[in-house]
C-alpha atoms as a PDB file:
ATOM      1  CA  UNK A   1      -0.386 -31.104  19.463  1.00  0.00           C
ATOM      2  CA  UNK A   2      -2.360 -29.402  16.700  1.00  0.00           C
ATOM      3  CA  UNK A   3      -5.842 -28.409  17.806  1.00  0.00           C
ATOM      4  CA  UNK A   4      -8.921 -28.639  15.665  1.00  0.00           C
ATOM      5  CA  UNK A   5     -12.359 -27.097  15.881  1.00  0.00           C
ATOM      6  CA  UNK A   6     -15.636 -28.926  15.484  1.00  0.00           C
ATOM      7  CA  UNK A   7     -18.408 -27.081  13.701  1.00  0.00           C
ATOM      8  CA  UNK A   8     -22.064 -27.222  14.737  1.00  0.00           C
ATOM      9  CA  UNK A   9     -22.708 -29.878  12.129  1.00  0.00           C
ATOM     10  CA  UNK A  10     -19.901 -32.099  13.361  1.00  0.00           C
ATOM     11  CA  UNK A  11     -17.535 -31.303  10.489  1.00  0.00           C
ATOM     12  CA  UNK A  12     -13.853 -31.077  11.394  1.00  0.00           C
ATOM     13  CA  UNK A  13     -12.394 -27.650  10.567  1.00  0.00           C
ATOM     14  CA  UNK A  14      -8.637 -27.250  10.613  1.00  0.00           C
ATOM     15  CA  UNK A  15      -7.293 -23.879  11.758  1.00  0.00           C
ATOM     16  CA  UNK A  16      -5.186 -23.857   8.609  1.00  0.00           C
ATOM     17  CA  UNK A  17      -8.215 -23.828   6.301  1.00  0.00           C
ATOM     18  CA  UNK A  18      -9.012 -20.085   6.661  1.00  0.00           C
ATOM     19  CA  UNK A  19      -5.364 -19.273   5.966  1.00  0.00           C
ATOM     20  CA  UNK A  20      -5.331 -21.542   2.940  1.00  0.00           C
ATOM     21  CA  UNK A  21      -8.440 -19.752   1.686  1.00  0.00           C
ATOM     22  CA  UNK A  22      -6.762 -16.379   2.246  1.00  0.00           C
ATOM     23  CA  UNK A  23      -3.724 -17.496   0.243  1.00  0.00           C
ATOM     24  CA  UNK A  24      -6.057 -18.641  -2.511  1.00  0.00           C
ATOM     25  CA  UNK A  25      -7.798 -15.268  -2.479  1.00  0.00           C
ATOM     26  CA  UNK A  26      -4.425 -13.505  -2.730  1.00  0.00           C
ATOM     27  CA  UNK A  27      -3.576 -15.464  -5.861  1.00  0.00           C
ATOM     28  CA  UNK A  28      -7.074 -14.933  -7.240  1.00  0.00           C
ATOM     29  CA  UNK A  29      -6.876 -11.173  -6.625  1.00  0.00           C
ATOM     30  CA  UNK A  30      -3.579 -10.887  -8.496  1.00  0.00           C
ATOM     31  CA  UNK A  31      -4.905 -12.936 -11.400  1.00  0.00           C
ATOM     32  CA  UNK A  32      -8.084 -10.852 -11.473  1.00  0.00           C
ATOM     33  CA  UNK A  33      -6.159  -7.583 -11.608  1.00  0.00           C
ATOM     34  CA  UNK A  34      -3.953  -8.952 -14.383  1.00  0.00           C
ATOM     35  CA  UNK A  35      -7.008 -10.185 -16.252  1.00  0.00           C
ATOM     36  CA  UNK A  36      -8.698  -6.796 -16.083  1.00  0.00           C
ATOM     37  CA  UNK A  37      -5.535  -5.216 -17.453  1.00  0.00           C
ATOM     38  CA  UNK A  38      -5.360  -7.742 -20.262  1.00  0.00           C
ATOM     39  CA  UNK A  39      -8.963  -7.329 -21.433  1.00  0.00           C
ATOM     40  CA  UNK A  40      -8.950  -3.519 -21.258  1.00  0.00           C
ATOM     41  CA  UNK A  41      -9.795  -1.985 -24.636  1.00  0.00           C
ATOM     42  CA  UNK A  42      -7.380   0.588 -26.120  1.00  0.00           C
ATOM     43  CA  UNK A  43      -8.593   4.181 -26.255  1.00  0.00           C
ATOM     44  CA  UNK A  44      -6.540   5.105 -29.361  1.00  0.00           C
ATOM     45  CA  UNK A  45      -5.323   8.542 -28.327  1.00  0.00           C
ATOM     46  CA  UNK A  46      -2.284  10.421 -29.553  1.00  0.00           C
ATOM     47  CA  UNK A  47       0.816   9.651 -27.519  1.00  0.00           C
ATOM     48  CA  UNK A  48       2.420  13.082 -27.991  1.00  0.00           C
ATOM     49  CA  UNK A  49      -0.694  15.146 -27.390  1.00  0.00           C
ATOM     50  CA  UNK A  50      -0.253  16.443 -23.854  1.00  0.00           C
ATOM     51  CA  UNK A  51      -3.878  17.548 -23.583  1.00  0.00           C
ATOM     52  CA  UNK A  52      -5.118  13.987 -24.141  1.00  0.00           C
ATOM     53  CA  UNK A  53      -3.107  12.455 -21.322  1.00  0.00           C
ATOM     54  CA  UNK A  54      -4.895  11.165 -18.244  1.00  0.00           C
ATOM     55  CA  UNK A  55      -2.395  12.618 -15.759  1.00  0.00           C
ATOM     56  CA  UNK A  56      -0.375  15.805 -15.495  1.00  0.00           C
ATOM     57  CA  UNK A  57       3.152  14.797 -14.444  1.00  0.00           C
ATOM     58  CA  UNK A  58       6.384  16.777 -14.127  1.00  0.00           C
ATOM     59  CA  UNK A  59       8.908  13.903 -14.145  1.00  0.00           C
ATOM     60  CA  UNK A  60      12.096  15.774 -13.251  1.00  0.00           C
ATOM     61  CA  UNK A  61      10.556  17.653 -10.354  1.00  0.00           C
ATOM     62  CA  UNK A  62       8.645  14.674  -9.063  1.00  0.00           C
ATOM     63  CA  UNK A  63      11.501  12.216  -9.344  1.00  0.00           C
ATOM     64  CA  UNK A  64      13.607  14.714  -7.443  1.00  0.00           C
ATOM     65  CA  UNK A  65      10.930  14.921  -4.758  1.00  0.00           C
ATOM     66  CA  UNK A  66      10.749  11.122  -4.633  1.00  0.00           C
ATOM     67  CA  UNK A  67      14.526  10.917  -4.210  1.00  0.00           C
ATOM     68  CA  UNK A  68      14.364  13.404  -1.328  1.00  0.00           C
ATOM     69  CA  UNK A  69      11.539  11.398   0.231  1.00  0.00           C
ATOM     70  CA  UNK A  70      13.594   8.217  -0.085  1.00  0.00           C
ATOM     71  CA  UNK A  71      16.561   9.906   1.559  1.00  0.00           C
ATOM     72  CA  UNK A  72      14.397  11.155   4.435  1.00  0.00           C
ATOM     73  CA  UNK A  73      12.947   7.671   4.859  1.00  0.00           C
ATOM     74  CA  UNK A  74      16.368   5.988   4.946  1.00  0.00           C
ATOM     75  CA  UNK A  75      17.672   8.517   7.465  1.00  0.00           C
ATOM     76  CA  UNK A  76      14.564   8.146   9.627  1.00  0.00           C
ATOM     77  CA  UNK A  77      14.805   4.348   9.522  1.00  0.00           C
ATOM     78  CA  UNK A  78      18.238   4.587  11.086  1.00  0.00           C
ATOM     79  CA  UNK A  79      16.698   6.639  13.876  1.00  0.00           C
ATOM     80  CA  UNK A  80      13.717   4.402  14.585  1.00  0.00           C
ATOM     81  CA  UNK A  81      15.824   1.236  14.406  1.00  0.00           C
ATOM     82  CA  UNK A  82      18.362   2.769  16.768  1.00  0.00           C
ATOM     83  CA  UNK A  83      16.040   3.155  19.721  1.00  0.00           C
ATOM     84  CA  UNK A  84      17.385   2.092  23.102  1.00  0.00           C
ATOM     85  CA  UNK A  85      16.797  -1.464  24.261  1.00  0.00           C
ATOM     86  CA  UNK A  86      14.033  -1.851  26.807  1.00  0.00           C
ATOM     87  CA  UNK A  87      12.947  -4.197  29.573  1.00  0.00           C
ATOM     88  CA  UNK A  88      10.413  -6.642  28.154  1.00  0.00           C
ATOM     89  CA  UNK A  89       9.760  -7.957  31.664  1.00  0.00           C
ATOM     90  CA  UNK A  90       8.075  -4.652  32.466  1.00  0.00           C
ATOM     91  CA  UNK A  91       5.411  -5.210  29.815  1.00  0.00           C
ATOM     92  CA  UNK A  92       2.005  -6.423  30.938  1.00  0.00           C
ATOM     93  CA  UNK A  93      -0.461  -7.945  28.499  1.00  0.00           C
ATOM     94  CA  UNK A  94      -3.310  -6.590  30.601  1.00  0.00           C
ATOM     95  CA  UNK A  95      -2.238  -3.107  29.520  1.00  0.00           C
ATOM     96  CA  UNK A  96      -2.994  -3.985  25.899  1.00  0.00           C
ATOM     97  CA  UNK A  97      -6.543  -2.970  24.875  1.00  0.00           C
ATOM     98  CA  UNK A  98      -8.944  -5.885  24.657  1.00  0.00           C
ATOM     99  CA  UNK A  99      -9.474  -5.470  20.903  1.00  0.00           C
ATOM    100  CA  UNK A 100      -5.747  -6.149  20.420  1.00  0.00           C
ATOM    101  CA  UNK A 101      -5.016  -8.490  23.328  1.00  0.00           C
ATOM    102  CA  UNK A 102      -6.718 -11.539  21.831  1.00  0.00           C
ATOM    103  CA  UNK A 103      -3.948 -12.145  19.285  1.00  0.00           C
ATOM    104  CA  UNK A 104      -1.391 -13.581  21.751  1.00  0.00           C
ATOM    105  CA  UNK A 105      -0.944 -17.303  20.971  1.00  0.00           C
ATOM    106  CA  UNK A 106      -0.086 -19.953  23.518  1.00  0.00           C
ATOM    107  CA  UNK A 107       3.003 -20.880  21.518  1.00  0.00           C
ATOM    108  CA  UNK A 108       5.056 -19.053  18.900  1.00  0.00           C
ATOM    109  CA  UNK A 109       5.849 -21.918  16.535  1.00  0.00           C
ATOM    110  CA  UNK A 110       4.052 -20.215  13.651  1.00  0.00           C
ATOM    111  CA  UNK A 111       5.899 -16.891  13.893  1.00  0.00           C
ATOM    112  CA  UNK A 112       8.730 -17.546  11.447  1.00  0.00           C
ATOM    113  CA  UNK A 113       6.465 -19.074   8.806  1.00  0.00           C
ATOM    114  CA  UNK A 114       3.963 -16.224   9.070  1.00  0.00           C
ATOM    115  CA  UNK A 115       6.727 -13.650   8.712  1.00  0.00           C
ATOM    116  CA  UNK A 116       7.899 -15.291   5.482  1.00  0.00           C
ATOM    117  CA  UNK A 117       4.331 -15.464   4.189  1.00  0.00           C
ATOM    118  CA  UNK A 118       3.825 -11.748   4.853  1.00  0.00           C
ATOM    119  CA  UNK A 119       6.871 -10.970   2.704  1.00  0.00           C
ATOM    120  CA  UNK A 120       5.272 -12.789  -0.232  1.00  0.00           C
ATOM    121  CA  UNK A 121       2.226 -10.533  -0.126  1.00  0.00           C
ATOM    122  CA  UNK A 122       4.432  -7.501   0.529  1.00  0.00           C
ATOM    123  CA  UNK A 123       6.571  -7.943  -2.586  1.00  0.00           C
ATOM    124  CA  UNK A 124       3.517  -8.878  -4.635  1.00  0.00           C
ATOM    125  CA  UNK A 125       1.868  -5.580  -3.703  1.00  0.00           C
ATOM    126  CA  UNK A 126       4.990  -3.569  -4.496  1.00  0.00           C
ATOM    127  CA  UNK A 127       5.415  -5.144  -7.930  1.00  0.00           C
ATOM    128  CA  UNK A 128       1.767  -5.243  -9.014  1.00  0.00           C
ATOM    129  CA  UNK A 129       1.620  -1.690 -10.503  1.00  0.00           C
ATOM    130  CA  UNK A 130       4.224  -2.654 -13.100  1.00  0.00           C
ATOM    131  CA  UNK A 131       1.742  -5.182 -14.490  1.00  0.00           C
ATOM    132  CA  UNK A 132      -0.281  -2.156 -15.624  1.00  0.00           C
ATOM    133  CA  UNK A 133       2.053  -1.856 -18.580  1.00  0.00           C
ATOM    134  CA  UNK A 134       0.368  -4.881 -20.139  1.00  0.00           C
ATOM    135  CA  UNK A 135      -2.377  -2.388 -21.028  1.00  0.00           C
ATOM    136  CA  UNK A 136      -1.272  -0.609 -24.250  1.00  0.00           C
ATOM    137  CA  UNK A 137      -2.858   2.702 -23.229  1.00  0.00           C
ATOM    138  CA  UNK A 138      -1.029   2.743 -19.919  1.00  0.00           C
ATOM    139  CA  UNK A 139       2.183   1.408 -21.434  1.00  0.00           C
ATOM    140  CA  UNK A 140       2.559   4.450 -23.688  1.00  0.00           C
ATOM    141  CA  UNK A 141       2.609   6.601 -20.532  1.00  0.00           C
ATOM    142  CA  UNK A 142       4.935   4.276 -18.659  1.00  0.00           C
ATOM    143  CA  UNK A 143       7.361   6.989 -17.593  1.00  0.00           C
ATOM    144  CA  UNK A 144       4.648   9.181 -16.092  1.00  0.00           C
ATOM    145  CA  UNK A 145       3.037   6.228 -14.323  1.00  0.00           C
ATOM    146  CA  UNK A 146       6.377   5.047 -12.940  1.00  0.00           C
ATOM    147  CA  UNK A 147       7.157   8.570 -11.741  1.00  0.00           C
ATOM    148  CA  UNK A 148       3.824   8.770  -9.925  1.00  0.00           C
ATOM    149  CA  UNK A 149       4.339   5.367  -8.355  1.00  0.00           C
ATOM    150  CA  UNK A 150       7.786   6.264  -7.055  1.00  0.00           C
ATOM    151  CA  UNK A 151       6.242   9.393  -5.567  1.00  0.00           C
ATOM    152  CA  UNK A 152       3.455   7.385  -3.946  1.00  0.00           C
ATOM    153  CA  UNK A 153       5.845   4.941  -2.298  1.00  0.00           C
ATOM    154  CA  UNK A 154       8.143   7.795  -1.233  1.00  0.00           C
ATOM    155  CA  UNK A 155       5.187   9.533   0.408  1.00  0.00           C
ATOM    156  CA  UNK A 156       4.207   6.298   2.118  1.00  0.00           C
ATOM    157  CA  UNK A 157       7.752   5.843   3.415  1.00  0.00           C
ATOM    158  CA  UNK A 158       7.897   9.378   4.801  1.00  0.00           C
ATOM    159  CA  UNK A 159       4.494   8.954   6.472  1.00  0.00           C
ATOM    160  CA  UNK A 160       5.723   5.811   8.196  1.00  0.00           C
ATOM    161  CA  UNK A 161       9.263   6.745   9.179  1.00  0.00           C
ATOM    162  CA  UNK A 162       9.357  10.517   9.531  1.00  0.00           C
ATOM    163  CA  UNK A 163       5.991  11.828  10.739  1.00  0.00           C
ATOM    164  CA  UNK A 164       4.191  11.821  14.112  1.00  0.00           C
ATOM    165  CA  UNK A 165       1.891   9.126  12.720  1.00  0.00           C
ATOM    166  CA  UNK A 166       4.600   6.466  12.806  1.00  0.00           C
ATOM    167  CA  UNK A 167       7.277   4.975  15.057  1.00  0.00           C
ATOM    168  CA  UNK A 168       9.539   8.041  14.912  1.00  0.00           C
ATOM    169  CA  UNK A 169       7.181   9.498  17.551  1.00  0.00           C
ATOM    170  CA  UNK A 170       4.973   6.597  18.656  1.00  0.00           C
ATOM    171  CA  UNK A 171       6.684   3.958  20.799  1.00  0.00           C
ATOM    172  CA  UNK A 172       4.542   0.844  20.851  1.00  0.00           C
ATOM    173  CA  UNK A 173       5.999  -2.534  21.693  1.00  0.00           C
ATOM    174  CA  UNK A 174       5.498  -5.275  19.170  1.00  0.00           C
ATOM    175  CA  UNK A 175       3.481  -8.305  20.328  1.00  0.00           C
ATOM    176  CA  UNK A 176       6.677 -10.378  20.228  1.00  0.00           C
ATOM    177  CA  UNK A 177       8.097  -8.210  23.018  1.00  0.00           C
ATOM    178  CA  UNK A 178       5.448  -9.615  25.363  1.00  0.00           C
ATOM    179  CA  UNK A 179       7.371 -12.921  25.316  1.00  0.00           C
ATOM    180  CA  UNK A 180      10.397 -11.856  27.399  1.00  0.00           C
ATOM    181  CA  UNK A 181      11.675 -15.427  27.567  1.00  0.00           C
ATOM    182  CA  UNK A 182      12.732 -15.007  23.952  1.00  0.00           C
ATOM    183  CA  UNK A 183      15.269 -12.328  24.912  1.00  0.00           C
ATOM    184  CA  UNK A 184      18.464 -12.652  26.889  1.00  0.00           C
ATOM    185  CA  UNK A 185      17.930 -11.172  30.365  1.00  0.00           C
ATOM    186  CA  UNK A 186      14.465 -10.091  29.212  1.00  0.00           C
ATOM    187  CA  UNK A 187      15.909  -7.140  27.304  1.00  0.00           C
ATOM    188  CA  UNK A 188      14.220  -6.472  23.951  1.00  0.00           C
ATOM    189  CA  UNK A 189      15.861  -4.520  21.095  1.00  0.00           C
ATOM    190  CA  UNK A 190      14.727  -0.938  20.607  1.00  0.00           C
ATOM    191  CA  UNK A 191      13.402  -1.658  17.113  1.00  0.00           C
ATOM    192  CA  UNK A 192      10.701  -3.752  18.779  1.00  0.00           C
ATOM    193  CA  UNK A 193       9.088  -0.445  19.768  1.00  0.00           C
ATOM    194  CA  UNK A 194       8.094   0.139  16.132  1.00  0.00           C
ATOM    195  CA  UNK A 195       4.738  -1.640  16.095  1.00  0.00           C
ATOM    196  CA  UNK A 196       2.623   1.376  15.126  1.00  0.00           C
ATOM    197  CA  UNK A 197       1.771   1.475  12.341  1.00  0.00           C
ATOM    198  CA  UNK A 198       2.384  -1.444   9.969  1.00  0.00           C
ATOM    199  CA  UNK A 199       4.729  -0.349   7.195  1.00  0.00           C
ATOM    200  CA  UNK A 200       4.405  -3.705   5.455  1.00  0.00           C
ATOM    201  CA  UNK A 201       0.648  -3.279   5.153  1.00  0.00           C
ATOM    202  CA  UNK A 202       0.759   0.390   4.138  1.00  0.00           C
ATOM    203  CA  UNK A 203       3.378  -0.270   1.449  1.00  0.00           C
ATOM    204  CA  UNK A 204       1.381  -3.183   0.045  1.00  0.00           C
ATOM    205  CA  UNK A 205      -1.849  -1.153   0.041  1.00  0.00           C
ATOM    206  CA  UNK A 206      -0.111   1.769  -1.661  1.00  0.00           C
ATOM    207  CA  UNK A 207       0.918  -0.527  -4.502  1.00  0.00           C
ATOM    208  CA  UNK A 208      -2.352  -2.371  -5.031  1.00  0.00           C
ATOM    209  CA  UNK A 209      -4.663   0.634  -4.689  1.00  0.00           C
ATOM    210  CA  UNK A 210      -2.385   2.703  -6.931  1.00  0.00           C
ATOM    211  CA  UNK A 211      -2.732   0.004  -9.590  1.00  0.00           C
ATOM    212  CA  UNK A 212      -6.512  -0.121  -9.171  1.00  0.00           C
ATOM    213  CA  UNK A 213      -6.881   3.661  -9.364  1.00  0.00           C
ATOM    214  CA  UNK A 214      -4.731   4.008 -12.486  1.00  0.00           C
ATOM    215  CA  UNK A 215      -6.517   1.163 -14.244  1.00  0.00           C
ATOM    216  CA  UNK A 216      -9.869   2.713 -13.339  1.00  0.00           C
ATOM    217  CA  UNK A 217      -8.843   6.186 -14.549  1.00  0.00           C
ATOM    218  CA  UNK A 218      -7.741   4.859 -17.925  1.00  0.00           C
ATOM    219  CA  UNK A 219     -11.106   3.122 -18.391  1.00  0.00           C
ATOM    220  CA  UNK A 220     -13.807   5.572 -17.254  1.00  0.00           C
ATOM    221  CA  UNK A 221     -16.418   3.572 -19.173  1.00  0.00           C
ATOM    222  CA  UNK A 222     -16.218   0.693 -16.703  1.00  0.00           C
ATOM    223  CA  UNK A 223     -19.342   0.066 -14.674  1.00  0.00           C
ATOM    224  CA  UNK A 224     -19.701   0.495 -10.930  1.00  0.00           C
ATOM    225  CA  UNK A 225     -19.676  -3.278 -10.526  1.00  0.00           C
ATOM    226  CA  UNK A 226     -16.372  -3.589 -12.381  1.00  0.00           C
ATOM    227  CA  UNK A 227     -14.830  -0.883 -10.222  1.00  0.00           C
ATOM    228  CA  UNK A 228     -16.099  -2.522  -7.040  1.00  0.00           C
ATOM    229  CA  UNK A 229     -14.545  -5.806  -8.168  1.00  0.00           C
ATOM    230  CA  UNK A 230     -11.295  -4.019  -8.991  1.00  0.00           C
ATOM    231  CA  UNK A 231     -10.965  -2.310  -5.614  1.00  0.00           C
ATOM    232  CA  UNK A 232     -12.102  -5.451  -3.825  1.00  0.00           C
ATOM    233  CA  UNK A 233      -9.279  -7.351  -5.478  1.00  0.00           C
ATOM    234  CA  UNK A 234      -6.848  -4.562  -4.563  1.00  0.00           C
ATOM    235  CA  UNK A 235      -7.733  -4.941  -0.882  1.00  0.00           C
ATOM    236  CA  UNK A 236      -6.872  -8.643  -0.682  1.00  0.00           C
ATOM    237  CA  UNK A 237      -3.025  -8.488  -0.805  1.00  0.00           C
ATOM    238  CA  UNK A 238      -2.730  -5.919   2.036  1.00  0.00           C
ATOM    239  CA  UNK A 239      -5.355  -7.851   3.996  1.00  0.00           C
ATOM    240  CA  UNK A 240      -3.289 -11.012   3.560  1.00  0.00           C
ATOM    241  CA  UNK A 241      -0.151  -9.192   4.703  1.00  0.00           C
ATOM    242  CA  UNK A 242      -2.040  -7.770   7.695  1.00  0.00           C
ATOM    243  CA  UNK A 243      -3.162 -11.203   8.867  1.00  0.00           C
ATOM    244  CA  UNK A 244       0.325 -12.650   8.502  1.00  0.00           C
ATOM    245  CA  UNK A 245       2.001  -9.720  10.279  1.00  0.00           C
ATOM    246  CA  UNK A 246      -0.355 -10.226  13.213  1.00  0.00           C
ATOM    247  CA  UNK A 247       0.338 -13.973  13.227  1.00  0.00           C
ATOM    248  CA  UNK A 248       4.073 -13.206  13.081  1.00  0.00           C
ATOM    249  CA  UNK A 249       3.683 -11.116  16.266  1.00  0.00           C
ATOM    250  CA  UNK A 250       5.033  -8.046  14.496  1.00  0.00           C
ATOM    251  CA  UNK A 251       1.868  -5.973  14.832  1.00  0.00           C
ATOM    252  CA  UNK A 252      -1.422  -5.718  16.642  1.00  0.00           C
ATOM    253  CA  UNK A 253      -4.606  -5.618  14.535  1.00  0.00           C
ATOM    254  CA  UNK A 254      -5.023  -1.861  15.007  1.00  0.00           C
ATOM    255  CA  UNK A 255      -1.498  -1.309  13.640  1.00  0.00           C
ATOM    256  CA  UNK A 256      -2.467  -3.067  10.437  1.00  0.00           C
ATOM    257  CA  UNK A 257      -5.826  -1.278  10.144  1.00  0.00           C
ATOM    258  CA  UNK A 258      -4.115   2.111  10.258  1.00  0.00           C
ATOM    259  CA  UNK A 259      -1.454   0.936   7.819  1.00  0.00           C
ATOM    260  CA  UNK A 260      -4.126  -0.330   5.440  1.00  0.00           C
ATOM    261  CA  UNK A 261      -6.022   2.972   5.531  1.00  0.00           C
ATOM    262  CA  UNK A 262      -2.993   5.210   5.080  1.00  0.00           C
ATOM    263  CA  UNK A 263      -1.524   3.079   2.298  1.00  0.00           C
ATOM    264  CA  UNK A 264      -4.817   2.900   0.403  1.00  0.00           C
ATOM    265  CA  UNK A 265      -5.235   6.681   0.741  1.00  0.00           C
ATOM    266  CA  UNK A 266      -1.752   7.361  -0.647  1.00  0.00           C
ATOM    267  CA  UNK A 267      -2.239   4.840  -3.475  1.00  0.00           C
ATOM    268  CA  UNK A 268      -5.521   6.422  -4.558  1.00  0.00           C
ATOM    269  CA  UNK A 269      -4.797  10.102  -3.920  1.00  0.00           C
ATOM    270  CA  UNK A 270      -1.488  10.218  -5.784  1.00  0.00           C
ATOM    271  CA  UNK A 271      -3.033   9.417  -9.207  1.00  0.00           C
ATOM    272  CA  UNK A 272      -6.191  11.371  -8.322  1.00  0.00           C
ATOM    273  CA  UNK A 273      -4.269  14.582  -7.641  1.00  0.00           C
ATOM    274  CA  UNK A 274      -2.369  14.219 -10.917  1.00  0.00           C
ATOM    275  CA  UNK A 275      -5.634  13.591 -12.727  1.00  0.00           C
ATOM    276  CA  UNK A 276      -7.139  16.785 -11.295  1.00  0.00           C
ATOM    277  CA  UNK A 277      -4.033  18.728 -12.320  1.00  0.00           C
ATOM    278  CA  UNK A 278      -4.460  17.443 -15.852  1.00  0.00           C
ATOM    279  CA  UNK A 279      -8.149  18.402 -15.905  1.00  0.00           C
ATOM    280  CA  UNK A 280      -7.264  21.938 -14.828  1.00  0.00           C
ATOM    281  CA  UNK A 281      -4.462  22.033 -17.397  1.00  0.00           C
ATOM    282  CA  UNK A 282      -6.853  20.870 -20.120  1.00  0.00           C
ATOM    283  CA  UNK A 283      -9.362  23.542 -19.110  1.00  0.00           C
ATOM    284  CA  UNK A 284      -6.619  26.171 -19.200  1.00  0.00           C
ATOM    285  CA  UNK A 285      -5.632  25.041 -22.678  1.00  0.00           C
ATOM    286  CA  UNK A 286      -9.217  25.433 -23.878  1.00  0.00           C
ATOM    287  CA  UNK A 287      -9.566  28.853 -22.273  1.00  0.00           C
ATOM    288  CA  UNK A 288      -6.270  30.031 -23.763  1.00  0.00           C
ATOM    289  CA  UNK A 289      -7.274  28.769 -27.206  1.00  0.00           C
ATOM    290  CA  UNK A 290     -10.552  30.641 -26.926  1.00  0.00           C
ATOM    291  CA  UNK A 291      -8.873  33.934 -26.081  1.00  0.00           C
ATOM    292  CA  UNK A 292      -6.306  33.435 -28.839  1.00  0.00           C
ATOM    293  CA  UNK A 293      -9.083  32.839 -31.346  1.00  0.00           C
ATOM    294  CA  UNK A 294     -10.993  35.933 -30.317  1.00  0.00           C
ATOM    295  CA  UNK A 295      -7.844  38.016 -30.598  1.00  0.00           C
ATOM    296  CA  UNK A 296      -7.051  36.615 -34.024  1.00  0.00           C
ATOM    297  CA  UNK A 297      -3.902  34.985 -32.769  1.00  0.00           C
ATOM    298  CA  UNK A 298      -2.386  31.879 -34.224  1.00  0.00           C
ATOM    299  CA  UNK A 299      -0.600  30.648 -31.113  1.00  0.00           C
ATOM    300  CA  UNK A 300      -1.875  28.406 -28.339  1.00  0.00           C
ATOM    301  CA  UNK A 301      -0.827  29.693 -24.922  1.00  0.00           C
ATOM    302  CA  UNK A 302       0.091  27.047 -22.400  1.00  0.00           C
ATOM    303  CA  UNK A 303      -1.050  27.865 -18.889  1.00  0.00           C
ATOM    304  CA  UNK A 304       0.717  26.076 -15.985  1.00  0.00           C
END
């Protein structure tokens, strides 16, 4: 039987209404990000002038680093998914901290649907940065932006699968493992020890916050309110994924909070570091030009 809640004013509130609102906000956030890309005004800078670029990128080196990161992630995934099976009957919900324990439902009918819903937000977050190329200024730097994004997702993958922050070191049972009746003889697969932290959420946040940061960097004239709206919209897809991953019994709330924070940090810091490199490069170009002028030289020394 589906339960309903009665508000203080006697209005019937279905439990599905907050989720429907969250799905609406996910769609609204994506449309808002696309809209901000579409209305962005071109800056009219020279495409081949390296000093005028927003980011300093070394594509060959960085794509190589991203490929190595991908290889490390794939190898590490084999390790974390190959953990030994464990006895789910030995798990006790009372051992789960109170701020995470509340998420256990009385029945698990919603699990499959929530898992599918989380994938929708997940793939949306991954693909959103490619919508940046609707902006003509960003589109002319598409190779640099794509290189940075591959690096960001490679870094996120390594953080999750191959560092002490993730399940390669931390063994935390997923909430689904606390339902031993779902497993034959109460034995849960070893991959159900990979609850901390949420890779779905961190990957989604990496994508959406990367897109927000790049769009913001290409339009420094935007107001604080516009930037707040932009980053607010970027937070909705990973938040949606976080809620659905908890409902799917794949993660506890704290797993998704950490995933959100790490993914957002990677998504923002990757373009920010490249922007700082470009600012230093631009300053070096100016300094070199100054010395060349004083010496009567005609060349412009490039300082790396």
